Amino acid sequence: GLPARDIGVAPSPDGKRSMMKLAQRMVT
């Protein structure tokens, strides 16, 4: 259960993990 402030888009917990992994690849 990741803390999030969802405005208009409400991803699932799996969706949040996937988004975090994409952002990590972006930063790397």
mmCIF file of all heavy atoms, coordinates in Angstrom:
data_MODEL
# 
_entry.id   MODEL 
# 
loop_
_atom_site.group_PDB 
_atom_site.id 
_atom_site.type_symbol 
_atom_site.label_atom_id 
_atom_site.label_alt_id 
_atom_site.label_comp_id 
_atom_site.label_asym_id 
_atom_site.label_entity_id 
_atom_site.label_seq_id 
_atom_site.pdbx_PDB_ins_code 
_atom_site.Cartn_x 
_atom_site.Cartn_y 
_atom_site.Cartn_z 
_atom_site.occupancy 
_atom_site.B_iso_or_equiv 
_atom_site.pdbx_formal_charge 
_atom_site.auth_seq_id 
_atom_site.auth_comp_id 
_atom_site.auth_asym_id 
_atom_site.auth_atom_id 
_atom_site.pdbx_PDB_model_num 
ATOM 1   N N   . GLY A 1 1  ? 0.831  -1.195 0.000   1.00 0.00 ? 1  GLY A N   1 
ATOM 2   C CA  . GLY A 1 1  ? 0.000  0.000  0.000   1.00 0.00 ? 1  GLY A CA  1 
ATOM 3   C C   . GLY A 1 1  ? 0.864  1.241  0.000   1.00 0.00 ? 1  GLY A C   1 
ATOM 4   O O   . GLY A 1 1  ? 1.192  1.771  1.058   1.00 0.00 ? 1  GLY A O   1 
ATOM 5   N N   . LEU A 1 2  ? 1.249  1.714  -1.171  1.00 0.00 ? 2  LEU A N   1 
ATOM 6   C CA  . LEU A 1 2  ? 2.139  2.872  -1.251  1.00 0.00 ? 2  LEU A CA  1 
ATOM 7   C C   . LEU A 1 2  ? 1.361  4.157  -1.009  1.00 0.00 ? 2  LEU A C   1 
ATOM 8   O O   . LEU A 1 2  ? 0.264  4.337  -1.543  1.00 0.00 ? 2  LEU A O   1 
ATOM 9   C CB  . LEU A 1 2  ? 2.792  2.937  -2.636  1.00 0.00 ? 2  LEU A CB  1 
ATOM 10  C CG  . LEU A 1 2  ? 3.747  1.796  -2.964  1.00 0.00 ? 2  LEU A CG  1 
ATOM 11  C CD1 . LEU A 1 2  ? 4.173  1.884  -4.416  1.00 0.00 ? 2  LEU A CD1 1 
ATOM 12  C CD2 . LEU A 1 2  ? 4.964  1.855  -2.063  1.00 0.00 ? 2  LEU A CD2 1 
ATOM 13  N N   . PRO A 1 3  ? 1.884  5.062  -0.210  1.00 0.00 ? 3  PRO A N   1 
ATOM 14  C CA  . PRO A 1 3  ? 1.203  6.345  -0.039  1.00 0.00 ? 3  PRO A CA  1 
ATOM 15  C C   . PRO A 1 3  ? 1.213  7.124  -1.347  1.00 0.00 ? 3  PRO A C   1 
ATOM 16  O O   . PRO A 1 3  ? 2.229  7.222  -2.017  1.00 0.00 ? 3  PRO A O   1 
ATOM 17  C CB  . PRO A 1 3  ? 2.039  7.046  1.035   1.00 0.00 ? 3  PRO A CB  1 
ATOM 18  C CG  . PRO A 1 3  ? 3.377  6.410  0.941   1.00 0.00 ? 3  PRO A CG  1 
ATOM 19  C CD  . PRO A 1 3  ? 3.138  4.987  0.543   1.00 0.00 ? 3  PRO A CD  1 
ATOM 20  N N   . ALA A 1 4  ? 0.085  7.644  -1.722  1.00 0.00 ? 4  ALA A N   1 
ATOM 21  C CA  . ALA A 1 4  ? -0.002 8.355  -2.993  1.00 0.00 ? 4  ALA A CA  1 
ATOM 22  C C   . ALA A 1 4  ? -1.091 9.410  -2.928  1.00 0.00 ? 4  ALA A C   1 
ATOM 23  O O   . ALA A 1 4  ? -2.031 9.309  -2.147  1.00 0.00 ? 4  ALA A O   1 
ATOM 24  C CB  . ALA A 1 4  ? -0.277 7.392  -4.148  1.00 0.00 ? 4  ALA A CB  1 
ATOM 25  N N   . ARG A 1 5  ? -0.935 10.438 -3.761  1.00 0.00 ? 5  ARG A N   1 
ATOM 26  C CA  . ARG A 1 5  ? -1.974 11.436 -3.922  1.00 0.00 ? 5  ARG A CA  1 
ATOM 27  C C   . ARG A 1 5  ? -2.404 11.362 -5.376  1.00 0.00 ? 5  ARG A C   1 
ATOM 28  O O   . ARG A 1 5  ? -1.717 11.818 -6.279  1.00 0.00 ? 5  ARG A O   1 
ATOM 29  C CB  . ARG A 1 5  ? -1.431 12.826 -3.589  1.00 0.00 ? 5  ARG A CB  1 
ATOM 30  C CG  . ARG A 1 5  ? -2.505 13.907 -3.668  1.00 0.00 ? 5  ARG A CG  1 
ATOM 31  C CD  . ARG A 1 5  ? -1.976 15.278 -3.213  1.00 0.00 ? 5  ARG A CD  1 
ATOM 32  N NE  . ARG A 1 5  ? -1.157 15.926 -4.228  1.00 0.00 ? 5  ARG A NE  1 
ATOM 33  C CZ  . ARG A 1 5  ? 0.157  16.072 -4.100  1.00 0.00 ? 5  ARG A CZ  1 
ATOM 34  N NH1 . ARG A 1 5  ? 0.783  15.616 -3.040  1.00 0.00 ? 5  ARG A NH1 1 
ATOM 35  N NH2 . ARG A 1 5  ? 0.861  16.680 -5.046  1.00 0.00 ? 5  ARG A NH2 1 
ATOM 36  N N   . ASP A 1 6  ? -3.523 10.702 -5.623  1.00 0.00 ? 6  ASP A N   1 
ATOM 37  C CA  . ASP A 1 6  ? -3.968 10.438 -6.984  1.00 0.00 ? 6  ASP A CA  1 
ATOM 38  C C   . ASP A 1 6  ? -5.001 11.481 -7.403  1.00 0.00 ? 6  ASP A C   1 
ATOM 39  O O   . ASP A 1 6  ? -6.019 11.669 -6.738  1.00 0.00 ? 6  ASP A O   1 
ATOM 40  C CB  . ASP A 1 6  ? -4.579 9.039  -7.099  1.00 0.00 ? 6  ASP A CB  1 
ATOM 41  C CG  . ASP A 1 6  ? -3.576 7.958  -6.697  1.00 0.00 ? 6  ASP A CG  1 
ATOM 42  O OD1 . ASP A 1 6  ? -2.437 8.034  -7.161  1.00 0.00 ? 6  ASP A OD1 1 
ATOM 43  O OD2 . ASP A 1 6  ? -3.958 7.069  -5.929  1.00 0.00 ? 6  ASP A OD2 1 
ATOM 44  N N   . ILE A 1 7  ? -4.734 12.154 -8.511  1.00 0.00 ? 7  ILE A N   1 
ATOM 45  C CA  . ILE A 1 7  ? -5.629 13.189 -9.007  1.00 0.00 ? 7  ILE A CA  1 
ATOM 46  C C   . ILE A 1 7  ? -6.037 12.798 -10.426 1.00 0.00 ? 7  ILE A C   1 
ATOM 47  O O   . ILE A 1 7  ? -5.273 12.974 -11.374 1.00 0.00 ? 7  ILE A O   1 
ATOM 48  C CB  . ILE A 1 7  ? -4.941 14.563 -9.011  1.00 0.00 ? 7  ILE A CB  1 
ATOM 49  C CG1 . ILE A 1 7  ? -4.320 14.844 -7.643  1.00 0.00 ? 7  ILE A CG1 1 
ATOM 50  C CG2 . ILE A 1 7  ? -5.908 15.667 -9.396  1.00 0.00 ? 7  ILE A CG2 1 
ATOM 51  C CD1 . ILE A 1 7  ? -3.423 16.044 -7.629  1.00 0.00 ? 7  ILE A CD1 1 
ATOM 52  N N   . GLY A 1 8  ? -7.195 12.228 -10.590 1.00 0.00 ? 8  GLY A N   1 
ATOM 53  C CA  . GLY A 1 8  ? -7.660 11.849 -11.909 1.00 0.00 ? 8  GLY A CA  1 
ATOM 54  C C   . GLY A 1 8  ? -7.165 10.484 -12.356 1.00 0.00 ? 8  GLY A C   1 
ATOM 55  O O   . GLY A 1 8  ? -7.833 9.808  -13.118 1.00 0.00 ? 8  GLY A O   1 
ATOM 56  N N   . VAL A 1 9  ? -6.003 10.040 -11.919 1.00 0.00 ? 9  VAL A N   1 
ATOM 57  C CA  . VAL A 1 9  ? -5.451 8.732  -12.274 1.00 0.00 ? 9  VAL A CA  1 
ATOM 58  C C   . VAL A 1 9  ? -5.237 7.968  -10.981 1.00 0.00 ? 9  VAL A C   1 
ATOM 59  O O   . VAL A 1 9  ? -4.558 8.444  -10.081 1.00 0.00 ? 9  VAL A O   1 
ATOM 60  C CB  . VAL A 1 9  ? -4.118 8.864  -13.041 1.00 0.00 ? 9  VAL A CB  1 
ATOM 61  C CG1 . VAL A 1 9  ? -3.552 7.494  -13.359 1.00 0.00 ? 9  VAL A CG1 1 
ATOM 62  C CG2 . VAL A 1 9  ? -4.319 9.659  -14.317 1.00 0.00 ? 9  VAL A CG2 1 
ATOM 63  N N   . ALA A 1 10 ? -5.816 6.785  -10.882 1.00 0.00 ? 10 ALA A N   1 
ATOM 64  C CA  . ALA A 1 10 ? -5.720 5.995  -9.652  1.00 0.00 ? 10 ALA A CA  1 
ATOM 65  C C   . ALA A 1 10 ? -5.161 4.619  -9.977  1.00 0.00 ? 10 ALA A C   1 
ATOM 66  O O   . ALA A 1 10 ? -5.907 3.677  -10.208 1.00 0.00 ? 10 ALA A O   1 
ATOM 67  C CB  . ALA A 1 10 ? -7.094 5.865  -8.988  1.00 0.00 ? 10 ALA A CB  1 
ATOM 68  N N   . PRO A 1 11 ? -3.833 4.476  -10.054 1.00 0.00 ? 11 PRO A N   1 
ATOM 69  C CA  . PRO A 1 11 ? -3.254 3.173  -10.379 1.00 0.00 ? 11 PRO A CA  1 
ATOM 70  C C   . PRO A 1 11 ? -3.395 2.199  -9.225  1.00 0.00 ? 11 PRO A C   1 
ATOM 71  O O   . PRO A 1 11 ? -3.508 2.580  -8.063  1.00 0.00 ? 11 PRO A O   1 
ATOM 72  C CB  . PRO A 1 11 ? -1.780 3.504  -10.645 1.00 0.00 ? 11 PRO A CB  1 
ATOM 73  C CG  . PRO A 1 11 ? -1.524 4.720  -9.820  1.00 0.00 ? 11 PRO A CG  1 
ATOM 74  C CD  . PRO A 1 11 ? -2.800 5.495  -9.827  1.00 0.00 ? 11 PRO A CD  1 
ATOM 75  N N   . SER A 1 12 ? -3.365 0.911  -9.570  1.00 0.00 ? 12 SER A N   1 
ATOM 76  C CA  . SER A 1 12 ? -3.379 -0.141 -8.557  1.00 0.00 ? 12 SER A CA  1 
ATOM 77  C C   . SER A 1 12 ? -2.021 -0.201 -7.878  1.00 0.00 ? 12 SER A C   1 
ATOM 78  O O   . SER A 1 12 ? -1.056 0.411  -8.345  1.00 0.00 ? 12 SER A O   1 
ATOM 79  C CB  . SER A 1 12 ? -3.686 -1.479 -9.230  1.00 0.00 ? 12 SER A CB  1 
ATOM 80  O OG  . SER A 1 12 ? -2.640 -1.808 -10.136 1.00 0.00 ? 12 SER A OG  1 
ATOM 81  N N   . PRO A 1 13 ? -1.899 -0.944 -6.755  1.00 0.00 ? 13 PRO A N   1 
ATOM 82  C CA  . PRO A 1 13 ? -0.560 -1.108 -6.145  1.00 0.00 ? 13 PRO A CA  1 
ATOM 83  C C   . PRO A 1 13 ? 0.472  -1.657 -7.124  1.00 0.00 ? 13 PRO A C   1 
ATOM 84  O O   . PRO A 1 13 ? 1.620  -1.206 -7.135  1.00 0.00 ? 13 PRO A O   1 
ATOM 85  C CB  . PRO A 1 13 ? -0.829 -2.078 -4.991  1.00 0.00 ? 13 PRO A CB  1 
ATOM 86  C CG  . PRO A 1 13 ? -2.259 -1.816 -4.616  1.00 0.00 ? 13 PRO A CG  1 
ATOM 87  C CD  . PRO A 1 13 ? -2.958 -1.511 -5.909  1.00 0.00 ? 13 PRO A CD  1 
ATOM 88  N N   . ASP A 1 14 ? 0.064  -2.618 -7.974  1.00 0.00 ? 14 ASP A N   1 
ATOM 89  C CA  . ASP A 1 14 ? 0.996  -3.128 -8.990  1.00 0.00 ? 14 ASP A CA  1 
ATOM 90  C C   . ASP A 1 14 ? 1.344  -2.043 -9.997  1.00 0.00 ? 14 ASP A C   1 
ATOM 91  O O   . ASP A 1 14 ? 2.478  -1.960 -10.482 1.00 0.00 ? 14 ASP A O   1 
ATOM 92  C CB  . ASP A 1 14 ? 0.381  -4.327 -9.704  1.00 0.00 ? 14 ASP A CB  1 
ATOM 93  C CG  . ASP A 1 14 ? 0.343  -5.567 -8.830  1.00 0.00 ? 14 ASP A CG  1 
ATOM 94  O OD1 . ASP A 1 14 ? 1.101  -5.610 -7.838  1.00 0.00 ? 14 ASP A OD1 1 
ATOM 95  O OD2 . ASP A 1 14 ? -0.455 -6.481 -9.126  1.00 0.00 ? 14 ASP A OD2 1 
ATOM 96  N N   . GLY A 1 15 ? 0.359  -1.198 -10.318 1.00 0.00 ? 15 GLY A N   1 
ATOM 97  C CA  . GLY A 1 15 ? 0.616  -0.108 -11.240 1.00 0.00 ? 15 GLY A CA  1 
ATOM 98  C C   . GLY A 1 15 ? 1.594  0.897  -10.673 1.00 0.00 ? 15 GLY A C   1 
ATOM 99  O O   . GLY A 1 15 ? 2.434  1.443  -11.392 1.00 0.00 ? 15 GLY A O   1 
ATOM 100 N N   . LYS A 1 16 ? 1.500  1.145  -9.375  1.00 0.00 ? 16 LYS A N   1 
ATOM 101 C CA  . LYS A 1 16 ? 2.439  2.074  -8.738  1.00 0.00 ? 16 LYS A CA  1 
ATOM 102 C C   . LYS A 1 16 ? 3.853  1.516  -8.749  1.00 0.00 ? 16 LYS A C   1 
ATOM 103 O O   . LYS A 1 16 ? 4.824  2.243  -8.999  1.00 0.00 ? 16 LYS A O   1 
ATOM 104 C CB  . LYS A 1 16 ? 1.989  2.366  -7.314  1.00 0.00 ? 16 LYS A CB  1 
ATOM 105 C CG  . LYS A 1 16 ? 0.709  3.192  -7.245  1.00 0.00 ? 16 LYS A CG  1 
ATOM 106 C CD  . LYS A 1 16 ? 0.267  3.414  -5.809  1.00 0.00 ? 16 LYS A CD  1 
ATOM 107 C CE  . LYS A 1 16 ? -1.029 4.236  -5.764  1.00 0.00 ? 16 LYS A CE  1 
ATOM 108 N NZ  . LYS A 1 16 ? -1.535 4.439  -4.408  1.00 0.00 ? 16 LYS A NZ  1 
ATOM 109 N N   . ARG A 1 17 ? 3.976  0.210  -8.479  1.00 0.00 ? 17 ARG A N   1 
ATOM 110 C CA  . ARG A 1 17 ? 5.313  -0.404 -8.540  1.00 0.00 ? 17 ARG A CA  1 
ATOM 111 C C   . ARG A 1 17 ? 5.875  -0.308 -9.953  1.00 0.00 ? 17 ARG A C   1 
ATOM 112 O O   . ARG A 1 17 ? 7.065  -0.034 -10.151 1.00 0.00 ? 17 ARG A O   1 
ATOM 113 C CB  . ARG A 1 17 ? 5.235  -1.862 -8.101  1.00 0.00 ? 17 ARG A CB  1 
ATOM 114 C CG  . ARG A 1 17 ? 4.955  -2.071 -6.626  1.00 0.00 ? 17 ARG A CG  1 
ATOM 115 C CD  . ARG A 1 17 ? 5.261  -3.507 -6.228  1.00 0.00 ? 17 ARG A CD  1 
ATOM 116 N NE  . ARG A 1 17 ? 4.806  -3.792 -4.877  1.00 0.00 ? 17 ARG A NE  1 
ATOM 117 C CZ  . ARG A 1 17 ? 3.644  -4.338 -4.568  1.00 0.00 ? 17 ARG A CZ  1 
ATOM 118 N NH1 . ARG A 1 17 ? 2.804  -4.671 -5.536  1.00 0.00 ? 17 ARG A NH1 1 
ATOM 119 N NH2 . ARG A 1 17 ? 3.304  -4.557 -3.320  1.00 0.00 ? 17 ARG A NH2 1 
ATOM 120 N N   . SER A 1 18 ? 5.029  -0.578 -10.947 1.00 0.00 ? 18 SER A N   1 
ATOM 121 C CA  . SER A 1 18 ? 5.480  -0.513 -12.333 1.00 0.00 ? 18 SER A CA  1 
ATOM 122 C C   . SER A 1 18 ? 5.920  0.904  -12.697 1.00 0.00 ? 18 SER A C   1 
ATOM 123 O O   . SER A 1 18 ? 6.934  1.105  -13.376 1.00 0.00 ? 18 SER A O   1 
ATOM 124 C CB  . SER A 1 18 ? 4.354  -0.975 -13.259 1.00 0.00 ? 18 SER A CB  1 
ATOM 125 O OG  . SER A 1 18 ? 4.768  -0.982 -14.601 1.00 0.00 ? 18 SER A OG  1 
ATOM 126 N N   . MET A 1 19 ? 5.179  1.890  -12.204 1.00 0.00 ? 19 MET A N   1 
ATOM 127 C CA  . MET A 1 19 ? 5.533  3.280  -12.469 1.00 0.00 ? 19 MET A CA  1 
ATOM 128 C C   . MET A 1 19 ? 6.852  3.644  -11.793 1.00 0.00 ? 19 MET A C   1 
ATOM 129 O O   . MET A 1 19 ? 7.687  4.368  -12.362 1.00 0.00 ? 19 MET A O   1 
ATOM 130 C CB  . MET A 1 19 ? 4.405  4.180  -11.970 1.00 0.00 ? 19 MET A CB  1 
ATOM 131 C CG  . MET A 1 19 ? 4.567  5.654  -12.296 1.00 0.00 ? 19 MET A CG  1 
ATOM 132 S SD  . MET A 1 19 ? 3.047  6.546  -11.859 1.00 0.00 ? 19 MET A SD  1 
ATOM 133 C CE  . MET A 1 19 ? 3.629  8.235  -11.898 1.00 0.00 ? 19 MET A CE  1 
ATOM 134 N N   . MET A 1 20 ? 7.078  3.129  -10.586 1.00 0.00 ? 20 MET A N   1 
ATOM 135 C CA  . MET A 1 20 ? 8.330  3.392  -9.879  1.00 0.00 ? 20 MET A CA  1 
ATOM 136 C C   . MET A 1 20 ? 9.506  2.756  -10.606 1.00 0.00 ? 20 MET A C   1 
ATOM 137 O O   . MET A 1 20 ? 10.592 3.332  -10.690 1.00 0.00 ? 20 MET A O   1 
ATOM 138 C CB  . MET A 1 20 ? 8.242  2.885  -8.444  1.00 0.00 ? 20 MET A CB  1 
ATOM 139 C CG  . MET A 1 20 ? 7.280  3.663  -7.564  1.00 0.00 ? 20 MET A CG  1 
ATOM 140 S SD  . MET A 1 20 ? 7.215  3.041  -5.869  1.00 0.00 ? 20 MET A SD  1 
ATOM 141 C CE  . MET A 1 20 ? 8.810  3.592  -5.255  1.00 0.00 ? 20 MET A CE  1 
ATOM 142 N N   . LYS A 1 21 ? 9.315  1.559  -11.149 1.00 0.00 ? 21 LYS A N   1 
ATOM 143 C CA  . LYS A 1 21 ? 10.390 0.896  -11.883 1.00 0.00 ? 21 LYS A CA  1 
ATOM 144 C C   . LYS A 1 21 ? 10.730 1.648  -13.163 1.00 0.00 ? 21 LYS A C   1 
ATOM 145 O O   . LYS A 1 21 ? 11.903 1.762  -13.538 1.00 0.00 ? 21 LYS A O   1 
ATOM 146 C CB  . LYS A 1 21 ? 9.995  -0.548 -12.194 1.00 0.00 ? 21 LYS A CB  1 
ATOM 147 C CG  . LYS A 1 21 ? 9.948  -1.454 -10.969 1.00 0.00 ? 21 LYS A CG  1 
ATOM 148 C CD  . LYS A 1 21 ? 9.539  -2.869 -11.338 1.00 0.00 ? 21 LYS A CD  1 
ATOM 149 C CE  . LYS A 1 21 ? 9.499  -3.767 -10.107 1.00 0.00 ? 21 LYS A CE  1 
ATOM 150 N NZ  . LYS A 1 21 ? 9.046  -5.143 -10.443 1.00 0.00 ? 21 LYS A NZ  1 
ATOM 151 N N   . LEU A 1 22 ? 9.699  2.157  -13.843 1.00 0.00 ? 22 LEU A N   1 
ATOM 152 C CA  . LEU A 1 22 ? 9.949  2.940  -15.050 1.00 0.00 ? 22 LEU A CA  1 
ATOM 153 C C   . LEU A 1 22 ? 10.709 4.219  -14.712 1.00 0.00 ? 22 LEU A C   1 
ATOM 154 O O   . LEU A 1 22 ? 11.649 4.609  -15.411 1.00 0.00 ? 22 LEU A O   1 
ATOM 155 C CB  . LEU A 1 22 ? 8.624  3.274  -15.740 1.00 0.00 ? 22 LEU A CB  1 
ATOM 156 C CG  . LEU A 1 22 ? 8.722  4.128  -17.007 1.00 0.00 ? 22 LEU A CG  1 
ATOM 157 C CD1 . LEU A 1 22 ? 9.555  3.430  -18.074 1.00 0.00 ? 22 LEU A CD1 1 
ATOM 158 C CD2 . LEU A 1 22 ? 7.329  4.469  -17.538 1.00 0.00 ? 22 LEU A CD2 1 
ATOM 159 N N   . ALA A 1 23 ? 10.314 4.874  -13.614 1.00 0.00 ? 23 ALA A N   1 
ATOM 160 C CA  . ALA A 1 23 ? 11.010 6.096  -13.198 1.00 0.00 ? 23 ALA A CA  1 
ATOM 161 C C   . ALA A 1 23 ? 12.446 5.801  -12.796 1.00 0.00 ? 23 ALA A C   1 
ATOM 162 O O   . ALA A 1 23 ? 13.357 6.594  -13.079 1.00 0.00 ? 23 ALA A O   1 
ATOM 163 C CB  . ALA A 1 23 ? 10.260 6.743  -12.040 1.00 0.00 ? 23 ALA A CB  1 
ATOM 164 N N   . GLN A 1 24 ? 12.679 4.643  -12.166 1.00 0.00 ? 24 GLN A N   1 
ATOM 165 C CA  . GLN A 1 24 ? 14.045 4.283  -11.784 1.00 0.00 ? 24 GLN A CA  1 
ATOM 166 C C   . GLN A 1 24 ? 14.909 4.082  -13.027 1.00 0.00 ? 24 GLN A C   1 
ATOM 167 O O   . GLN A 1 24 ? 16.063 4.529  -13.075 1.00 0.00 ? 24 GLN A O   1 
ATOM 168 C CB  . GLN A 1 24 ? 14.034 3.009  -10.942 1.00 0.00 ? 24 GLN A CB  1 
ATOM 169 C CG  . GLN A 1 24 ? 15.410 2.588  -10.464 1.00 0.00 ? 24 GLN A CG  1 
ATOM 170 C CD  . GLN A 1 24 ? 15.359 1.351  -9.574  1.00 0.00 ? 24 GLN A CD  1 
ATOM 171 O OE1 . GLN A 1 24 ? 14.307 0.759  -9.370  1.00 0.00 ? 24 GLN A OE1 1 
ATOM 172 N NE2 . GLN A 1 24 ? 16.489 0.963  -9.033  1.00 0.00 ? 24 GLN A NE2 1 
ATOM 173 N N   . ARG A 1 25 ? 14.365 3.433  -14.047 1.00 0.00 ? 25 ARG A N   1 
ATOM 174 C CA  . ARG A 1 25 ? 15.121 3.260  -15.294 1.00 0.00 ? 25 ARG A CA  1 
ATOM 175 C C   . ARG A 1 25 ? 15.387 4.607  -15.952 1.00 0.00 ? 25 ARG A C   1 
ATOM 176 O O   . ARG A 1 25 ? 16.460 4.836  -16.524 1.00 0.00 ? 25 ARG A O   1 
ATOM 177 C CB  . ARG A 1 25 ? 14.354 2.336  -16.248 1.00 0.00 ? 25 ARG A CB  1 
ATOM 178 C CG  . ARG A 1 25 ? 15.037 2.143  -17.586 1.00 0.00 ? 25 ARG A CG  1 
ATOM 179 C CD  . ARG A 1 25 ? 14.537 0.896  -18.295 1.00 0.00 ? 25 ARG A CD  1 
ATOM 180 N NE  . ARG A 1 25 ? 13.139 0.974  -18.644 1.00 0.00 ? 25 ARG A NE  1 
ATOM 181 C CZ  . ARG A 1 25 ? 12.661 1.518  -19.779 1.00 0.00 ? 25 ARG A CZ  1 
ATOM 182 N NH1 . ARG A 1 25 ? 13.496 2.043  -20.646 1.00 0.00 ? 25 ARG A NH1 1 
ATOM 183 N NH2 . ARG A 1 25 ? 11.376 1.517  -20.032 1.00 0.00 ? 25 ARG A NH2 1 
ATOM 184 N N   . MET A 1 26 ? 14.432 5.517  -15.855 1.00 0.00 ? 26 MET A N   1 
ATOM 185 C CA  . MET A 1 26 ? 14.603 6.853  -16.424 1.00 0.00 ? 26 MET A CA  1 
ATOM 186 C C   . MET A 1 26 ? 15.755 7.591  -15.739 1.00 0.00 ? 26 MET A C   1 
ATOM 187 O O   . MET A 1 26 ? 16.619 8.179  -16.416 1.00 0.00 ? 26 MET A O   1 
ATOM 188 C CB  . MET A 1 26 ? 13.297 7.635  -16.270 1.00 0.00 ? 26 MET A CB  1 
ATOM 189 C CG  . MET A 1 26 ? 13.363 9.071  -16.755 1.00 0.00 ? 26 MET A CG  1 
ATOM 190 S SD  . MET A 1 26 ? 11.781 9.941  -16.560 1.00 0.00 ? 26 MET A SD  1 
ATOM 191 C CE  . MET A 1 26 ? 11.684 10.042 -14.760 1.00 0.00 ? 26 MET A CE  1 
ATOM 192 N N   . VAL A 1 27 ? 15.797 7.543  -14.408 1.00 0.00 ? 27 VAL A N   1 
ATOM 193 C CA  . VAL A 1 27 ? 16.861 8.229  -13.671 1.00 0.00 ? 27 VAL A CA  1 
ATOM 194 C C   . VAL A 1 27 ? 18.216 7.592  -13.969 1.00 0.00 ? 27 VAL A C   1 
ATOM 195 O O   . VAL A 1 27 ? 19.220 8.290  -14.171 1.00 0.00 ? 27 VAL A O   1 
ATOM 196 C CB  . VAL A 1 27 ? 16.564 8.216  -12.159 1.00 0.00 ? 27 VAL A CB  1 
ATOM 197 C CG1 . VAL A 1 27 ? 17.749 8.753  -11.363 1.00 0.00 ? 27 VAL A CG1 1 
ATOM 198 C CG2 . VAL A 1 27 ? 15.312 9.034  -11.851 1.00 0.00 ? 27 VAL A CG2 1 
ATOM 199 N N   . THR A 1 28 ? 18.259 6.261  -13.998 1.00 0.00 ? 28 THR A N   1 
ATOM 200 C CA  . THR A 1 28 ? 19.516 5.562  -14.276 1.00 0.00 ? 28 THR A CA  1 
ATOM 201 C C   . THR A 1 28 ? 20.045 5.926  -15.659 1.00 0.00 ? 28 THR A C   1 
ATOM 202 O O   . THR A 1 28 ? 21.246 6.176  -15.845 1.00 0.00 ? 28 THR A O   1 
ATOM 203 C CB  . THR A 1 28 ? 19.311 4.046  -14.161 1.00 0.00 ? 28 THR A CB  1 
ATOM 204 O OG1 . THR A 1 28 ? 18.872 3.725  -12.836 1.00 0.00 ? 28 THR A OG1 1 
ATOM 205 C CG2 . THR A 1 28 ? 20.598 3.298  -14.456 1.00 0.00 ? 28 THR A CG2 1 
# 
